[in-house]
Amino acid sequence: MERRIDEHLVVRRDGAVVTVTVDREDALGALSRSMLVALDAFLPGLADDDDVRVVVLTGTGRGFVAGADIGEYHGVDQRRFDDYQRLGRRVLDAVEALPQYTVAAVNGYALGGGFELALCCDAILATERAKFGLPEVKLGLLPGGGGSQRLARALGVRFALRLVATGAMVPAGELYRRGLVDEVYADDAALRAGAWDLAGTVAAGAPLAVRGAKRLVREGSAMPLPDALGFEQAVLSSLFATEDGREGVAAFVEKRDPVFRGR
């Protein structure tokens, strides 16, 4: 099932996997205010849908998301600019907070808000031609959607500062070598196949365990180690008490495939 939530945003549902495609090839996927408003309205419902296990975000043509629609900055007053930035930040935070496993399938340029969007996802897959960057300094500005902070936490302060201060674009291969990009594919077809394969593998797993894994790793990594270890034990204990936990153990003992129901 496929529908548009904005002129340039297509949502497709395939079983437990939802794909959100930025369909704005002529602008390399630049995010307009109307697109952000549509995502702001759409994401809370997606977060509440327990039948969705994986969310894939991708683009079309040469662009994944080439940042914000800069033309919408021109001539606006400070209040409107700040409102736009708060809206963008709210959308990106909502993507990061989704309980489902999220995959950024980066088909081309991921610049500014596009790089920030990818950083909010649980996995980043990319084609060889994909390039990433935070070029806001070239406009006399800086990232406003968390890019400087999430990148510094992912790859270190020195590398993040170099990218933010220079506005340089980095090929997918370099970010793969640094451990930020999970896989690099030769072309768009291979990227789609890789994203679908990963989504299918995650979707086939125990949904409560996958959601628990996301909470555990993301939240636990920000805790002192003794607290994080206690959190790990608490999450494990809660999963053992579920129907899926009992089913998984029983299926292993009985040498059959488990049937997980998210309960």
C-alpha atoms as a PDB file:
ATOM      1  CA  MET A   1       0.000   0.000   0.000  1.00  0.00           C
ATOM      2  CA  GLU A   2       1.369   3.393  -1.020  1.00  0.00           C
ATOM      3  CA  ARG A   3       0.231   6.947  -0.310  1.00  0.00           C
ATOM      4  CA  ARG A   4       1.519  10.498  -0.342  1.00  0.00           C
ATOM      5  CA  ILE A   5       1.596  12.510   2.859  1.00  0.00           C
ATOM      6  CA  ASP A   6       2.989  15.508   0.946  1.00  0.00           C
ATOM      7  CA  GLU A   7       3.614  16.336  -2.687  1.00  0.00           C
ATOM      8  CA  HIS A   8       7.200  15.148  -2.198  1.00  0.00           C
ATOM      9  CA  LEU A   9       6.823  12.393   0.408  1.00  0.00           C
ATOM     10  CA  VAL A  10       5.687   8.849  -0.406  1.00  0.00           C
ATOM     11  CA  VAL A  11       4.895   6.299   2.303  1.00  0.00           C
ATOM     12  CA  ARG A  12       4.741   2.612   1.381  1.00  0.00           C
ATOM     13  CA  ARG A  13       3.688  -0.215   3.692  1.00  0.00           C
ATOM     14  CA  ASP A  14       4.898  -3.757   3.035  1.00  0.00           C
ATOM     15  CA  GLY A  15       3.850  -5.964   5.921  1.00  0.00           C
ATOM     16  CA  ALA A  16       5.828  -4.875   8.975  1.00  0.00           C
ATOM     17  CA  VAL A  17       8.091  -2.523   6.993  1.00  0.00           C
ATOM     18  CA  VAL A  18       7.294   1.105   6.178  1.00  0.00           C
ATOM     19  CA  THR A  19       9.373   2.971   3.586  1.00  0.00           C
ATOM     20  CA  VAL A  20       9.349   6.771   3.497  1.00  0.00           C
ATOM     21  CA  THR A  21      10.706   8.133   0.208  1.00  0.00           C
ATOM     22  CA  VAL A  22      11.649  11.745  -0.423  1.00  0.00           C
ATOM     23  CA  ASP A  23      10.392  12.191  -3.977  1.00  0.00           C
ATOM     24  CA  ARG A  24      11.882  15.536  -4.991  1.00  0.00           C
ATOM     25  CA  GLU A  25      14.516  14.623  -7.522  1.00  0.00           C
ATOM     26  CA  ASP A  26      14.726  18.062  -9.149  1.00  0.00           C
ATOM     27  CA  ALA A  27      15.825  19.609  -5.812  1.00  0.00           C
ATOM     28  CA  LEU A  28      17.974  16.648  -4.717  1.00  0.00           C
ATOM     29  CA  GLY A  29      15.456  15.926  -1.973  1.00  0.00           C
ATOM     30  CA  ALA A  30      15.704  19.274  -0.202  1.00  0.00           C
ATOM     31  CA  LEU A  31      13.258  19.483   2.704  1.00  0.00           C
ATOM     32  CA  SER A  32      10.645  22.221   2.424  1.00  0.00           C
ATOM     33  CA  ARG A  33       8.535  23.518   5.283  1.00  0.00           C
ATOM     34  CA  SER A  34       5.502  21.634   3.954  1.00  0.00           C
ATOM     35  CA  MET A  35       7.467  18.374   3.960  1.00  0.00           C
ATOM     36  CA  LEU A  36       8.577  18.950   7.549  1.00  0.00           C
ATOM     37  CA  VAL A  37       4.998  19.762   8.577  1.00  0.00           C
ATOM     38  CA  ALA A  38       3.807  16.530   6.962  1.00  0.00           C
ATOM     39  CA  LEU A  39       6.478  14.488   8.739  1.00  0.00           C
ATOM     40  CA  ASP A  40       5.721  16.235  12.021  1.00  0.00           C
ATOM     41  CA  ALA A  41       2.103  15.075  11.713  1.00  0.00           C
ATOM     42  CA  PHE A  42       2.934  11.584  10.424  1.00  0.00           C
ATOM     43  CA  LEU A  43       5.667  10.403  12.796  1.00  0.00           C
ATOM     44  CA  PRO A  44       3.665  10.229  16.057  1.00  0.00           C
ATOM     45  CA  GLY A  45       1.164   7.818  14.489  1.00  0.00           C
ATOM     46  CA  LEU A  46       4.000   5.741  13.075  1.00  0.00           C
ATOM     47  CA  ALA A  47       5.617   5.549  16.509  1.00  0.00           C
ATOM     48  CA  ASP A  48       2.355   4.235  17.988  1.00  0.00           C
ATOM     49  CA  ASP A  49       1.881   1.525  15.342  1.00  0.00           C
ATOM     50  CA  ASP A  50       3.022  -1.700  17.002  1.00  0.00           C
ATOM     51  CA  ASP A  51       2.552  -3.624  13.746  1.00  0.00           C
ATOM     52  CA  VAL A  52       5.400  -1.658  12.122  1.00  0.00           C
ATOM     53  CA  ARG A  53       8.760  -3.168  12.997  1.00  0.00           C
ATOM     54  CA  VAL A  54      11.152  -1.401  10.601  1.00  0.00           C
ATOM     55  CA  VAL A  55      11.184   2.033   8.963  1.00  0.00           C
ATOM     56  CA  VAL A  56      13.324   2.697   5.871  1.00  0.00           C
ATOM     57  CA  LEU A  57      14.082   6.275   4.783  1.00  0.00           C
ATOM     58  CA  THR A  58      15.374   6.901   1.270  1.00  0.00           C
ATOM     59  CA  GLY A  59      15.396   9.359  -1.625  1.00  0.00           C
ATOM     60  CA  THR A  60      15.222   9.442  -5.418  1.00  0.00           C
ATOM     61  CA  GLY A  61      17.706  10.186  -8.163  1.00  0.00           C
ATOM     62  CA  ARG A  62      20.997  11.803  -7.150  1.00  0.00           C
ATOM     63  CA  GLY A  63      19.766  13.070  -3.787  1.00  0.00           C
ATOM     64  CA  PHE A  64      18.829  11.429  -0.519  1.00  0.00           C
ATOM     65  CA  VAL A  65      18.126  14.735   1.226  1.00  0.00           C
ATOM     66  CA  ALA A  66      20.350  17.647   0.201  1.00  0.00           C
ATOM     67  CA  GLY A  67      19.479  19.670   3.298  1.00  0.00           C
ATOM     68  CA  ALA A  68      16.819  22.267   3.848  1.00  0.00           C
ATOM     69  CA  ASP A  69      15.179  24.235   1.059  1.00  0.00           C
ATOM     70  CA  ILE A  70      17.473  27.264   1.442  1.00  0.00           C
ATOM     71  CA  GLY A  71      15.215  29.411  -0.719  1.00  0.00           C
ATOM     72  CA  GLU A  72      12.751  29.381   2.163  1.00  0.00           C
ATOM     73  CA  TYR A  73      15.310  31.182   4.367  1.00  0.00           C
ATOM     74  CA  HIS A  74      15.723  34.111   2.012  1.00  0.00           C
ATOM     75  CA  GLY A  75      14.071  37.324   3.144  1.00  0.00           C
ATOM     76  CA  VAL A  76      12.353  35.850   6.207  1.00  0.00           C
ATOM     77  CA  ASP A  77      12.499  37.500   9.626  1.00  0.00           C
ATOM     78  CA  GLN A  78      14.258  36.023  12.651  1.00  0.00           C
ATOM     79  CA  ARG A  79      11.076  34.610  14.170  1.00  0.00           C
ATOM     80  CA  ARG A  80      10.144  32.672  11.043  1.00  0.00           C
ATOM     81  CA  PHE A  81      13.699  31.365  10.651  1.00  0.00           C
ATOM     82  CA  ASP A  82      13.765  30.181  14.270  1.00  0.00           C
ATOM     83  CA  ASP A  83      10.326  28.567  13.884  1.00  0.00           C
ATOM     84  CA  TYR A  84      11.587  26.673  10.828  1.00  0.00           C
ATOM     85  CA  GLN A  85      14.627  25.439  12.754  1.00  0.00           C
ATOM     86  CA  ARG A  86      12.536  24.295  15.706  1.00  0.00           C
ATOM     87  CA  LEU A  87      10.228  22.400  13.351  1.00  0.00           C
ATOM     88  CA  GLY A  88      13.170  20.655  11.695  1.00  0.00           C
ATOM     89  CA  ARG A  89      14.713  19.783  15.040  1.00  0.00           C
ATOM     90  CA  ARG A  90      11.388  18.363  16.279  1.00  0.00           C
ATOM     91  CA  VAL A  91      11.089  16.136  13.195  1.00  0.00           C
ATOM     92  CA  LEU A  92      14.644  14.825  13.490  1.00  0.00           C
ATOM     93  CA  ASP A  93      14.255  14.152  17.203  1.00  0.00           C
ATOM     94  CA  ALA A  94      11.025  12.272  16.428  1.00  0.00           C
ATOM     95  CA  VAL A  95      12.852  10.082  13.889  1.00  0.00           C
ATOM     96  CA  GLU A  96      15.551   9.279  16.432  1.00  0.00           C
ATOM     97  CA  ALA A  97      12.900   8.499  19.067  1.00  0.00           C
ATOM     98  CA  LEU A  98      10.945   6.047  16.888  1.00  0.00           C
ATOM     99  CA  PRO A  99      10.709   2.715  18.721  1.00  0.00           C
ATOM    100  CA  GLN A 100      11.048   0.822  15.437  1.00  0.00           C
ATOM    101  CA  TYR A 101      14.428  -0.047  13.907  1.00  0.00           C
ATOM    102  CA  THR A 102      15.266   2.650  11.355  1.00  0.00           C
ATOM    103  CA  VAL A 103      17.382   2.365   8.216  1.00  0.00           C
ATOM    104  CA  ALA A 104      18.704   5.283   6.162  1.00  0.00           C
ATOM    105  CA  ALA A 105      19.145   4.021   2.584  1.00  0.00           C
ATOM    106  CA  VAL A 106      21.272   6.885   1.261  1.00  0.00           C
ATOM    107  CA  ASN A 107      21.102   6.902  -2.522  1.00  0.00           C
ATOM    108  CA  GLY A 108      22.921  10.192  -3.156  1.00  0.00           C
ATOM    109  CA  TYR A 109      23.713  13.531  -1.531  1.00  0.00           C
ATOM    110  CA  ALA A 110      23.045  13.605   2.226  1.00  0.00           C
ATOM    111  CA  LEU A 111      23.871  17.179   3.127  1.00  0.00           C
ATOM    112  CA  GLY A 112      22.898  19.367   6.058  1.00  0.00           C
ATOM    113  CA  GLY A 113      19.532  18.102   7.245  1.00  0.00           C
ATOM    114  CA  GLY A 114      19.957  14.994   5.121  1.00  0.00           C
ATOM    115  CA  PHE A 115      23.132  14.000   6.962  1.00  0.00           C
ATOM    116  CA  GLU A 116      21.387  14.871  10.218  1.00  0.00           C
ATOM    117  CA  LEU A 117      18.461  12.642   9.248  1.00  0.00           C
ATOM    118  CA  ALA A 118      20.797   9.724   8.534  1.00  0.00           C
ATOM    119  CA  LEU A 119      22.542  10.251  11.884  1.00  0.00           C
ATOM    120  CA  CYS A 120      19.174   9.813  13.620  1.00  0.00           C
ATOM    121  CA  CYS A 121      18.737   6.321  12.146  1.00  0.00           C
ATOM    122  CA  ASP A 122      19.883   2.995  13.568  1.00  0.00           C
ATOM    123  CA  ALA A 123      21.645   1.904  10.371  1.00  0.00           C
ATOM    124  CA  ILE A 124      23.086   3.825   7.435  1.00  0.00           C
ATOM    125  CA  LEU A 125      23.429   2.072   4.080  1.00  0.00           C
ATOM    126  CA  ALA A 126      24.726   3.997   1.068  1.00  0.00           C
ATOM    127  CA  THR A 127      25.675   3.773  -2.583  1.00  0.00           C
ATOM    128  CA  GLU A 128      29.242   4.406  -3.697  1.00  0.00           C
ATOM    129  CA  ARG A 129      28.206   7.758  -5.174  1.00  0.00           C
ATOM    130  CA  ALA A 130      26.632   9.000  -1.924  1.00  0.00           C
ATOM    131  CA  LYS A 131      28.284  11.983  -0.285  1.00  0.00           C
ATOM    132  CA  PHE A 132      27.735  13.327   3.203  1.00  0.00           C
ATOM    133  CA  GLY A 133      28.394  16.771   4.619  1.00  0.00           C
ATOM    134  CA  LEU A 134      27.351  19.652   6.845  1.00  0.00           C
ATOM    135  CA  PRO A 135      27.918  22.634   4.512  1.00  0.00           C
ATOM    136  CA  GLU A 136      26.043  25.297   6.514  1.00  0.00           C
ATOM    137  CA  VAL A 137      29.249  27.219   7.269  1.00  0.00           C
ATOM    138  CA  LYS A 138      29.362  28.173   3.580  1.00  0.00           C
ATOM    139  CA  LEU A 139      26.139  30.114   4.165  1.00  0.00           C
ATOM    140  CA  GLY A 140      27.521  31.789   7.256  1.00  0.00           C
ATOM    141  CA  LEU A 141      25.432  29.424   9.379  1.00  0.00           C
ATOM    142  CA  LEU A 142      25.865  26.157  11.289  1.00  0.00           C
ATOM    143  CA  PRO A 143      23.880  22.906  11.615  1.00  0.00           C
ATOM    144  CA  GLY A 144      20.615  23.277  13.508  1.00  0.00           C
ATOM    145  CA  GLY A 145      19.238  19.727  13.550  1.00  0.00           C
ATOM    146  CA  GLY A 146      21.783  18.127  15.835  1.00  0.00           C
ATOM    147  CA  GLY A 147      24.393  17.292  13.198  1.00  0.00           C
ATOM    148  CA  SER A 148      27.377  18.772  15.001  1.00  0.00           C
ATOM    149  CA  GLN A 149      26.498  16.982  18.232  1.00  0.00           C
ATOM    150  CA  ARG A 150      25.441  13.584  16.890  1.00  0.00           C
ATOM    151  CA  LEU A 151      28.427  13.410  14.531  1.00  0.00           C
ATOM    152  CA  ALA A 152      30.856  14.349  17.325  1.00  0.00           C
ATOM    153  CA  ARG A 153      29.411  11.610  19.504  1.00  0.00           C
ATOM    154  CA  ALA A 154      29.559   9.079  16.690  1.00  0.00           C
ATOM    155  CA  LEU A 155      33.000   9.807  15.240  1.00  0.00           C
ATOM    156  CA  GLY A 156      34.777  12.121  17.662  1.00  0.00           C
ATOM    157  CA  VAL A 157      35.189  15.845  18.182  1.00  0.00           C
ATOM    158  CA  ARG A 158      38.126  16.430  15.810  1.00  0.00           C
ATOM    159  CA  PHE A 159      36.529  14.831  12.757  1.00  0.00           C
ATOM    160  CA  ALA A 160      33.165  16.463  13.430  1.00  0.00           C
ATOM    161  CA  LEU A 161      34.740  19.891  13.847  1.00  0.00           C
ATOM    162  CA  ARG A 162      36.655  19.504  10.577  1.00  0.00           C
ATOM    163  CA  LEU A 163      33.466  18.715   8.680  1.00  0.00           C
ATOM    164  CA  VAL A 164      31.458  21.492  10.333  1.00  0.00           C
ATOM    165  CA  ALA A 165      34.223  24.111  10.000  1.00  0.00           C
ATOM    166  CA  THR A 166      35.049  23.323   6.353  1.00  0.00           C
ATOM    167  CA  GLY A 167      31.651  22.269   5.044  1.00  0.00           C
ATOM    168  CA  ALA A 168      33.454  19.515   3.142  1.00  0.00           C
ATOM    169  CA  MET A 169      31.640  16.578   1.573  1.00  0.00           C
ATOM    170  CA  VAL A 170      32.813  13.085   2.495  1.00  0.00           C
ATOM    171  CA  PRO A 171      32.242  10.009   0.305  1.00  0.00           C
ATOM    172  CA  ALA A 172      30.355   7.049   1.691  1.00  0.00           C
ATOM    173  CA  GLY A 173      33.486   4.919   1.519  1.00  0.00           C
ATOM    174  CA  GLU A 174      35.332   7.088   4.033  1.00  0.00           C
ATOM    175  CA  LEU A 175      32.440   6.990   6.485  1.00  0.00           C
ATOM    176  CA  TYR A 176      32.276   3.223   6.003  1.00  0.00           C
ATOM    177  CA  ARG A 177      35.954   2.964   6.968  1.00  0.00           C
ATOM    178  CA  ARG A 178      35.263   5.115  10.025  1.00  0.00           C
ATOM    179  CA  GLY A 179      32.365   2.858  11.050  1.00  0.00           C
ATOM    180  CA  LEU A 180      29.467   5.289  10.571  1.00  0.00           C
ATOM    181  CA  VAL A 181      28.091   3.801   7.330  1.00  0.00           C
ATOM    182  CA  ASP A 182      27.234   0.122   7.737  1.00  0.00           C
ATOM    183  CA  GLU A 183      27.377  -0.999   4.100  1.00  0.00           C
ATOM    184  CA  VAL A 184      28.267   0.545   0.723  1.00  0.00           C
ATOM    185  CA  TYR A 185      26.629  -0.699  -2.493  1.00  0.00           C
ATOM    186  CA  ALA A 186      27.539  -0.286  -6.141  1.00  0.00           C
ATOM    187  CA  ASP A 187      24.241   1.249  -7.272  1.00  0.00           C
ATOM    188  CA  ASP A 188      20.664   2.088  -6.323  1.00  0.00           C
ATOM    189  CA  ALA A 189      19.335  -1.394  -7.132  1.00  0.00           C
ATOM    190  CA  ALA A 190      21.885  -3.041  -4.836  1.00  0.00           C
ATOM    191  CA  LEU A 191      21.129  -0.456  -2.134  1.00  0.00           C
ATOM    192  CA  ARG A 192      17.404  -1.202  -2.284  1.00  0.00           C
ATOM    193  CA  ALA A 193      18.064  -4.928  -2.115  1.00  0.00           C
ATOM    194  CA  GLY A 194      20.424  -4.476   0.828  1.00  0.00           C
ATOM    195  CA  ALA A 195      17.979  -2.244   2.699  1.00  0.00           C
ATOM    196  CA  TRP A 196      15.130  -4.683   2.102  1.00  0.00           C
ATOM    197  CA  ASP A 197      17.268  -7.627   3.219  1.00  0.00           C
ATOM    198  CA  LEU A 198      18.215  -5.858   6.471  1.00  0.00           C
ATOM    199  CA  ALA A 199      14.637  -4.707   7.060  1.00  0.00           C
ATOM    200  CA  GLY A 200      13.328  -8.220   6.484  1.00  0.00           C
ATOM    201  CA  THR A 201      15.841  -9.759   8.873  1.00  0.00           C
ATOM    202  CA  VAL A 202      14.993  -7.303  11.648  1.00  0.00           C
ATOM    203  CA  ALA A 203      11.238  -7.543  11.007  1.00  0.00           C
ATOM    204  CA  ALA A 204      11.391 -11.337  11.311  1.00  0.00           C
ATOM    205  CA  GLY A 205      12.862 -11.099  14.794  1.00  0.00           C
ATOM    206  CA  ALA A 206      11.030 -10.827  18.085  1.00  0.00           C
ATOM    207  CA  PRO A 207       9.567  -7.284  17.949  1.00  0.00           C
ATOM    208  CA  LEU A 208       9.684  -6.638  21.696  1.00  0.00           C
ATOM    209  CA  ALA A 209      13.306  -7.784  21.816  1.00  0.00           C
ATOM    210  CA  VAL A 210      14.266  -5.554  18.880  1.00  0.00           C
ATOM    211  CA  ARG A 211      12.605  -2.536  20.472  1.00  0.00           C
ATOM    212  CA  GLY A 212      14.278  -3.424  23.751  1.00  0.00           C
ATOM    213  CA  ALA A 213      17.645  -3.675  22.010  1.00  0.00           C
ATOM    214  CA  LYS A 214      17.235  -0.179  20.589  1.00  0.00           C
ATOM    215  CA  ARG A 215      16.384   1.290  23.998  1.00  0.00           C
ATOM    216  CA  LEU A 216      19.134  -0.672  25.687  1.00  0.00           C
ATOM    217  CA  VAL A 217      21.961   0.343  23.369  1.00  0.00           C
ATOM    218  CA  ARG A 218      20.923   3.957  22.814  1.00  0.00           C
ATOM    219  CA  GLU A 219      19.969   4.786  26.398  1.00  0.00           C
ATOM    220  CA  GLY A 220      22.490   2.526  28.065  1.00  0.00           C
ATOM    221  CA  SER A 221      25.428   4.002  26.161  1.00  0.00           C
ATOM    222  CA  ALA A 222      24.718   7.359  27.820  1.00  0.00           C
ATOM    223  CA  MET A 223      24.747   5.856  31.333  1.00  0.00           C
ATOM    224  CA  PRO A 224      27.664   5.064  33.642  1.00  0.00           C
ATOM    225  CA  LEU A 225      28.625   1.430  33.062  1.00  0.00           C
ATOM    226  CA  PRO A 226      27.264   0.041  36.394  1.00  0.00           C
ATOM    227  CA  ASP A 227      23.885   1.685  35.695  1.00  0.00           C
ATOM    228  CA  ALA A 228      23.882   0.445  32.100  1.00  0.00           C
ATOM    229  CA  LEU A 229      24.598  -3.115  33.226  1.00  0.00           C
ATOM    230  CA  GLY A 230      21.688  -2.939  35.635  1.00  0.00           C
ATOM    231  CA  PHE A 231      19.498  -1.583  32.841  1.00  0.00           C
ATOM    232  CA  GLU A 232      20.537  -4.514  30.647  1.00  0.00           C
ATOM    233  CA  GLN A 233      19.485  -6.999  33.319  1.00  0.00           C
ATOM    234  CA  ALA A 234      16.142  -5.237  33.807  1.00  0.00           C
ATOM    235  CA  VAL A 235      15.352  -5.281  30.086  1.00  0.00           C
ATOM    236  CA  LEU A 236      16.327  -8.950  29.818  1.00  0.00           C
ATOM    237  CA  SER A 237      14.148  -9.848  32.801  1.00  0.00           C
ATOM    238  CA  SER A 238      11.159  -8.028  31.354  1.00  0.00           C
ATOM    239  CA  LEU A 239      11.538  -9.897  28.046  1.00  0.00           C
ATOM    240  CA  PHE A 240      11.702 -13.287  29.754  1.00  0.00           C
ATOM    241  CA  ALA A 241       8.259 -12.556  31.200  1.00  0.00           C
ATOM    242  CA  THR A 242       6.689 -12.030  27.754  1.00  0.00           C
ATOM    243  CA  GLU A 243       4.895 -14.541  25.533  1.00  0.00           C
ATOM    244  CA  ASP A 244       7.559 -14.006  22.872  1.00  0.00           C
ATOM    245  CA  GLY A 245      10.303 -14.784  25.369  1.00  0.00           C
ATOM    246  CA  ARG A 246       8.671 -18.072  26.302  1.00  0.00           C
ATOM    247  CA  GLU A 247       7.983 -18.865  22.641  1.00  0.00           C
ATOM    248  CA  GLY A 248      11.587 -18.249  21.627  1.00  0.00           C
ATOM    249  CA  VAL A 249      12.951 -20.568  24.321  1.00  0.00           C
ATOM    250  CA  ALA A 250      10.359 -23.253  23.573  1.00  0.00           C
ATOM    251  CA  ALA A 251      11.046 -23.105  19.830  1.00  0.00           C
ATOM    252  CA  PHE A 252      14.777 -23.521  20.430  1.00  0.00           C
ATOM    253  CA  VAL A 253      14.260 -26.560  22.646  1.00  0.00           C
ATOM    254  CA  GLU A 254      11.723 -28.047  20.230  1.00  0.00           C
ATOM    255  CA  LYS A 255      13.991 -27.359  17.221  1.00  0.00           C
ATOM    256  CA  ARG A 256      11.413 -25.332  15.271  1.00  0.00           C
ATOM    257  CA  ASP A 257      11.072 -21.760  14.020  1.00  0.00           C
ATOM    258  CA  PRO A 258       9.553 -19.397  16.601  1.00  0.00           C
ATOM    259  CA  VAL A 259       6.334 -17.510  15.957  1.00  0.00           C
ATOM    260  CA  PHE A 260       6.657 -14.086  17.552  1.00  0.00           C
ATOM    261  CA  ARG A 261       3.503 -12.021  18.126  1.00  0.00           C
ATOM    262  CA  GLY A 262       4.829  -8.967  19.914  1.00  0.00           C
ATOM    263  CA  ARG A 263       3.278  -9.940  23.227  1.00  0.00           C
END
